[in-house]
Amino acid sequence: MRKLPPPDLKNPVHFLAFGFGSGCAPVAPGTWGTLMAVLLYLPLSLLPLFFYVLATGVVAVAGIWLCGRTAADLGEHDHPGIVWDEFAGFFVTMIAAPPGWQWVVAGFLLFRLFDIWKPWPIRVLDRRVGGGLGIMVDDLLAGVYALIVLQLAQRALT
């Protein structure tokens, strides 16, 4: 297995793209990045829905540039340590999520499931779209899938 280039965590773009360093975990960086996203979600969840969705949109749009720039700097299209896309995908998952730790855990598990599984058309887009958008699109769609399942579960259980 070849050695991946390390980020320059003193560079604020790399620091953000690598999820404040969470993407540097030697095993399962996407999972560690999503755990960091959970920590960021907790205060964001206190925002009114409009502002939460607005913040999620800013994270997603900024991520296209952050991830693309970092990937170009490292010469690695979708370096596994780039986890800003996990932040955006998890935040999408949690749009209008009901309060409670069990919903946060469910959102985390659902997002990771869809991000790893990559059901159609996620896998197709992941392979065909390049640059920062390509890094972000699969996680954003995994977030949409997880959002739908989470909302259906909420309606079925409450």
C-alpha atoms as a PDB file:
ATOM      1  CA  MET A   1       0.000   0.000   0.000  1.00  0.00           C
ATOM      2  CA  ARG A   2       1.470   3.323  -1.019  1.00  0.00           C
ATOM      3  CA  LYS A   3       1.987   6.115   1.480  1.00  0.00           C
ATOM      4  CA  LEU A   4      -0.385   9.040   1.092  1.00  0.00           C
ATOM      5  CA  PRO A   5       0.988  12.582   1.255  1.00  0.00           C
ATOM      6  CA  PRO A   6       0.389  14.231   4.637  1.00  0.00           C
ATOM      7  CA  PRO A   7      -1.493  17.513   4.929  1.00  0.00           C
ATOM      8  CA  ASP A   8       0.122  20.705   6.134  1.00  0.00           C
ATOM      9  CA  LEU A   9      -2.094  21.306   9.164  1.00  0.00           C
ATOM     10  CA  LYS A  10      -0.530  24.769   9.561  1.00  0.00           C
ATOM     11  CA  ASN A  11      -2.267  25.635   6.296  1.00  0.00           C
ATOM     12  CA  PRO A  12      -5.816  26.665   7.287  1.00  0.00           C
ATOM     13  CA  VAL A  13      -7.279  25.134   4.113  1.00  0.00           C
ATOM     14  CA  HIS A  14      -5.734  21.729   4.861  1.00  0.00           C
ATOM     15  CA  PHE A  15      -6.648  22.047   8.549  1.00  0.00           C
ATOM     16  CA  LEU A  16     -10.316  22.579   7.661  1.00  0.00           C
ATOM     17  CA  ALA A  17     -10.404  19.984   4.870  1.00  0.00           C
ATOM     18  CA  PHE A  18      -8.883  17.448   7.284  1.00  0.00           C
ATOM     19  CA  GLY A  19     -11.640  18.192   9.780  1.00  0.00           C
ATOM     20  CA  PHE A  20      -9.523  20.070  12.342  1.00  0.00           C
ATOM     21  CA  GLY A  21      -7.132  17.114  12.259  1.00  0.00           C
ATOM     22  CA  SER A  22      -9.754  14.375  12.716  1.00  0.00           C
ATOM     23  CA  GLY A  23      -9.031  13.115   9.197  1.00  0.00           C
ATOM     24  CA  CYS A  24      -5.465  12.288  10.248  1.00  0.00           C
ATOM     25  CA  ALA A  25      -6.679   9.243  12.183  1.00  0.00           C
ATOM     26  CA  PRO A  26      -4.716   6.214  10.929  1.00  0.00           C
ATOM     27  CA  VAL A  27      -7.848   4.034  10.762  1.00  0.00           C
ATOM     28  CA  ALA A  28     -11.334   4.997   9.495  1.00  0.00           C
ATOM     29  CA  PRO A  29     -10.697   8.736   9.022  1.00  0.00           C
ATOM     30  CA  GLY A  30     -14.199   9.199   7.584  1.00  0.00           C
ATOM     31  CA  THR A  31     -15.730   7.839  10.757  1.00  0.00           C
ATOM     32  CA  TRP A  32     -13.518  10.052  12.915  1.00  0.00           C
ATOM     33  CA  GLY A  33     -14.426  13.021  10.715  1.00  0.00           C
ATOM     34  CA  THR A  34     -18.108  12.237  11.179  1.00  0.00           C
ATOM     35  CA  LEU A  35     -17.591  12.041  14.956  1.00  0.00           C
ATOM     36  CA  MET A  36     -16.053  15.521  14.804  1.00  0.00           C
ATOM     37  CA  ALA A  37     -19.079  16.623  12.770  1.00  0.00           C
ATOM     38  CA  VAL A  38     -21.324  15.351  15.583  1.00  0.00           C
ATOM     39  CA  LEU A  39     -19.473  17.619  18.021  1.00  0.00           C
ATOM     40  CA  LEU A  40     -20.000  20.580  15.696  1.00  0.00           C
ATOM     41  CA  TYR A  41     -23.618  19.605  15.083  1.00  0.00           C
ATOM     42  CA  LEU A  42     -24.559  19.829  18.767  1.00  0.00           C
ATOM     43  CA  PRO A  43     -24.306  23.643  19.004  1.00  0.00           C
ATOM     44  CA  LEU A  44     -25.560  24.079  15.420  1.00  0.00           C
ATOM     45  CA  SER A  45     -28.685  22.085  16.285  1.00  0.00           C
ATOM     46  CA  LEU A  46     -29.732  24.914  18.597  1.00  0.00           C
ATOM     47  CA  LEU A  47     -30.141  27.260  15.614  1.00  0.00           C
ATOM     48  CA  PRO A  48     -33.557  27.874  14.078  1.00  0.00           C
ATOM     49  CA  LEU A  49     -34.081  25.551  11.085  1.00  0.00           C
ATOM     50  CA  PHE A  50     -33.561  28.324   8.505  1.00  0.00           C
ATOM     51  CA  PHE A  51     -30.151  29.240   9.938  1.00  0.00           C
ATOM     52  CA  TYR A  52     -29.168  25.590  10.351  1.00  0.00           C
ATOM     53  CA  VAL A  53     -29.934  24.926   6.670  1.00  0.00           C
ATOM     54  CA  LEU A  54     -28.089  28.119   5.701  1.00  0.00           C
ATOM     55  CA  ALA A  55     -25.017  27.054   7.712  1.00  0.00           C
ATOM     56  CA  THR A  56     -25.180  23.590   6.120  1.00  0.00           C
ATOM     57  CA  GLY A  57     -25.271  25.196   2.672  1.00  0.00           C
ATOM     58  CA  VAL A  58     -22.244  27.351   3.508  1.00  0.00           C
ATOM     59  CA  VAL A  59     -20.342  24.270   4.735  1.00  0.00           C
ATOM     60  CA  ALA A  60     -21.235  22.411   1.517  1.00  0.00           C
ATOM     61  CA  VAL A  61     -20.318  25.229  -0.871  1.00  0.00           C
ATOM     62  CA  ALA A  62     -17.111  26.064   1.008  1.00  0.00           C
ATOM     63  CA  GLY A  63     -16.270  22.355   0.992  1.00  0.00           C
ATOM     64  CA  ILE A  64     -16.172  22.224  -2.786  1.00  0.00           C
ATOM     65  CA  TRP A  65     -13.309  24.715  -2.756  1.00  0.00           C
ATOM     66  CA  LEU A  66     -11.599  23.479   0.453  1.00  0.00           C
ATOM     67  CA  CYS A  67     -11.572  19.836  -0.621  1.00  0.00           C
ATOM     68  CA  GLY A  68     -10.618  20.617  -4.204  1.00  0.00           C
ATOM     69  CA  ARG A  69      -7.762  22.906  -3.173  1.00  0.00           C
ATOM     70  CA  THR A  70      -6.421  20.429  -0.610  1.00  0.00           C
ATOM     71  CA  ALA A  71      -6.652  17.504  -3.031  1.00  0.00           C
ATOM     72  CA  ALA A  72      -4.769  19.521  -5.650  1.00  0.00           C
ATOM     73  CA  ASP A  73      -2.107  20.548  -3.120  1.00  0.00           C
ATOM     74  CA  LEU A  74      -1.589  16.920  -2.091  1.00  0.00           C
ATOM     75  CA  GLY A  75      -1.839  15.548  -5.626  1.00  0.00           C
ATOM     76  CA  GLU A  76      -4.435  13.030  -4.448  1.00  0.00           C
ATOM     77  CA  HIS A  77      -8.003  13.294  -5.835  1.00  0.00           C
ATOM     78  CA  ASP A  78      -9.928  12.021  -2.822  1.00  0.00           C
ATOM     79  CA  HIS A  79      -7.400  11.644  -0.042  1.00  0.00           C
ATOM     80  CA  PRO A  80      -9.144   9.606   2.693  1.00  0.00           C
ATOM     81  CA  GLY A  81      -8.086  12.173   5.287  1.00  0.00           C
ATOM     82  CA  ILE A  82     -10.144  14.904   3.635  1.00  0.00           C
ATOM     83  CA  VAL A  83     -13.252  14.748   5.818  1.00  0.00           C
ATOM     84  CA  TRP A  84     -14.906  18.143   5.353  1.00  0.00           C
ATOM     85  CA  ASP A  85     -17.289  16.292   3.034  1.00  0.00           C
ATOM     86  CA  GLU A  86     -18.317  14.121   6.009  1.00  0.00           C
ATOM     87  CA  PHE A  87     -19.153  17.294   7.933  1.00  0.00           C
ATOM     88  CA  ALA A  88     -21.426  18.498   5.140  1.00  0.00           C
ATOM     89  CA  GLY A  89     -23.042  15.095   4.627  1.00  0.00           C
ATOM     90  CA  PHE A  90     -23.755  14.613   8.327  1.00  0.00           C
ATOM     91  CA  PHE A  91     -25.186  18.134   8.608  1.00  0.00           C
ATOM     92  CA  VAL A  92     -27.527  17.334   5.691  1.00  0.00           C
ATOM     93  CA  THR A  93     -28.564  14.118   7.454  1.00  0.00           C
ATOM     94  CA  MET A  94     -29.523  16.065  10.555  1.00  0.00           C
ATOM     95  CA  ILE A  95     -31.705  18.720   8.887  1.00  0.00           C
ATOM     96  CA  ALA A  96     -34.904  18.944  10.974  1.00  0.00           C
ATOM     97  CA  ALA A  97     -33.827  15.966  13.091  1.00  0.00           C
ATOM     98  CA  PRO A  98     -35.773  15.608  16.313  1.00  0.00           C
ATOM     99  CA  PRO A  99     -33.916  16.421  19.523  1.00  0.00           C
ATOM    100  CA  GLY A 100     -32.344  13.643  21.533  1.00  0.00           C
ATOM    101  CA  TRP A 101     -29.131  11.673  21.617  1.00  0.00           C
ATOM    102  CA  GLN A 102     -30.788   8.620  20.021  1.00  0.00           C
ATOM    103  CA  TRP A 103     -31.519  10.655  16.872  1.00  0.00           C
ATOM    104  CA  VAL A 104     -27.929  11.884  16.738  1.00  0.00           C
ATOM    105  CA  VAL A 105     -26.691   8.280  17.008  1.00  0.00           C
ATOM    106  CA  ALA A 106     -29.210   7.145  14.371  1.00  0.00           C
ATOM    107  CA  GLY A 107     -28.152   9.978  12.052  1.00  0.00           C
ATOM    108  CA  PHE A 108     -24.494   9.099  12.541  1.00  0.00           C
ATOM    109  CA  LEU A 109     -25.083   5.411  11.775  1.00  0.00           C
ATOM    110  CA  LEU A 110     -27.333   6.099   8.784  1.00  0.00           C
ATOM    111  CA  PHE A 111     -24.912   8.595   7.281  1.00  0.00           C
ATOM    112  CA  ARG A 112     -21.939   6.252   7.699  1.00  0.00           C
ATOM    113  CA  LEU A 113     -23.984   3.389   6.186  1.00  0.00           C
ATOM    114  CA  PHE A 114     -24.886   5.348   3.052  1.00  0.00           C
ATOM    115  CA  ASP A 115     -21.427   6.931   2.781  1.00  0.00           C
ATOM    116  CA  ILE A 116     -19.741   3.520   2.838  1.00  0.00           C
ATOM    117  CA  TRP A 117     -22.374   1.602   0.857  1.00  0.00           C
ATOM    118  CA  LYS A 118     -22.776   4.281  -1.852  1.00  0.00           C
ATOM    119  CA  PRO A 119     -26.071   3.082  -3.386  1.00  0.00           C
ATOM    120  CA  TRP A 120     -27.051   4.265  -6.870  1.00  0.00           C
ATOM    121  CA  PRO A 121     -26.424   6.972  -8.064  1.00  0.00           C
ATOM    122  CA  ILE A 122     -23.874   7.845  -5.380  1.00  0.00           C
ATOM    123  CA  ARG A 123     -21.235   5.354  -6.577  1.00  0.00           C
ATOM    124  CA  VAL A 124     -21.657   6.462 -10.209  1.00  0.00           C
ATOM    125  CA  LEU A 125     -21.232  10.147  -9.342  1.00  0.00           C
ATOM    126  CA  ASP A 126     -18.313   9.356  -7.025  1.00  0.00           C
ATOM    127  CA  ARG A 127     -16.476   7.768  -9.965  1.00  0.00           C
ATOM    128  CA  ARG A 128     -17.414  10.301 -12.651  1.00  0.00           C
ATOM    129  CA  VAL A 129     -17.294  13.724 -11.004  1.00  0.00           C
ATOM    130  CA  GLY A 130     -13.880  15.204 -10.330  1.00  0.00           C
ATOM    131  CA  GLY A 131     -12.419  18.015  -8.289  1.00  0.00           C
ATOM    132  CA  GLY A 132     -13.887  19.425  -5.126  1.00  0.00           C
ATOM    133  CA  LEU A 133     -17.427  18.788  -6.337  1.00  0.00           C
ATOM    134  CA  GLY A 134     -16.568  15.136  -6.870  1.00  0.00           C
ATOM    135  CA  ILE A 135     -15.240  14.861  -3.332  1.00  0.00           C
ATOM    136  CA  MET A 136     -18.363  16.497  -1.902  1.00  0.00           C
ATOM    137  CA  VAL A 137     -21.174  15.044  -4.039  1.00  0.00           C
ATOM    138  CA  ASP A 138     -21.150  11.468  -2.746  1.00  0.00           C
ATOM    139  CA  ASP A 139     -21.280  12.581   0.885  1.00  0.00           C
ATOM    140  CA  LEU A 140     -23.997  15.132   0.215  1.00  0.00           C
ATOM    141  CA  LEU A 141     -26.128  12.464  -1.479  1.00  0.00           C
ATOM    142  CA  ALA A 142     -25.385   9.981   1.324  1.00  0.00           C
ATOM    143  CA  GLY A 143     -26.619  12.717   3.653  1.00  0.00           C
ATOM    144  CA  VAL A 144     -29.824  13.099   1.640  1.00  0.00           C
ATOM    145  CA  TYR A 145     -30.456   9.333   1.745  1.00  0.00           C
ATOM    146  CA  ALA A 146     -29.795   9.261   5.500  1.00  0.00           C
ATOM    147  CA  LEU A 147     -32.015  12.339   5.978  1.00  0.00           C
ATOM    148  CA  ILE A 148     -34.916  10.612   4.219  1.00  0.00           C
ATOM    149  CA  VAL A 149     -34.564   7.439   6.294  1.00  0.00           C
ATOM    150  CA  LEU A 150     -34.200   9.428   9.523  1.00  0.00           C
ATOM    151  CA  GLN A 151     -37.310  11.474   8.764  1.00  0.00           C
ATOM    152  CA  LEU A 152     -39.301   8.341   7.876  1.00  0.00           C
ATOM    153  CA  ALA A 153     -38.155   6.718  11.124  1.00  0.00           C
ATOM    154  CA  GLN A 154     -39.211   9.783  13.082  1.00  0.00           C
ATOM    155  CA  ARG A 155     -42.678   9.710  11.523  1.00  0.00           C
ATOM    156  CA  ALA A 156     -43.029   5.986  12.134  1.00  0.00           C
ATOM    157  CA  LEU A 157     -41.870   6.130  15.759  1.00  0.00           C
ATOM    158  CA  THR A 158     -43.462   9.342  17.013  1.00  0.00           C
END
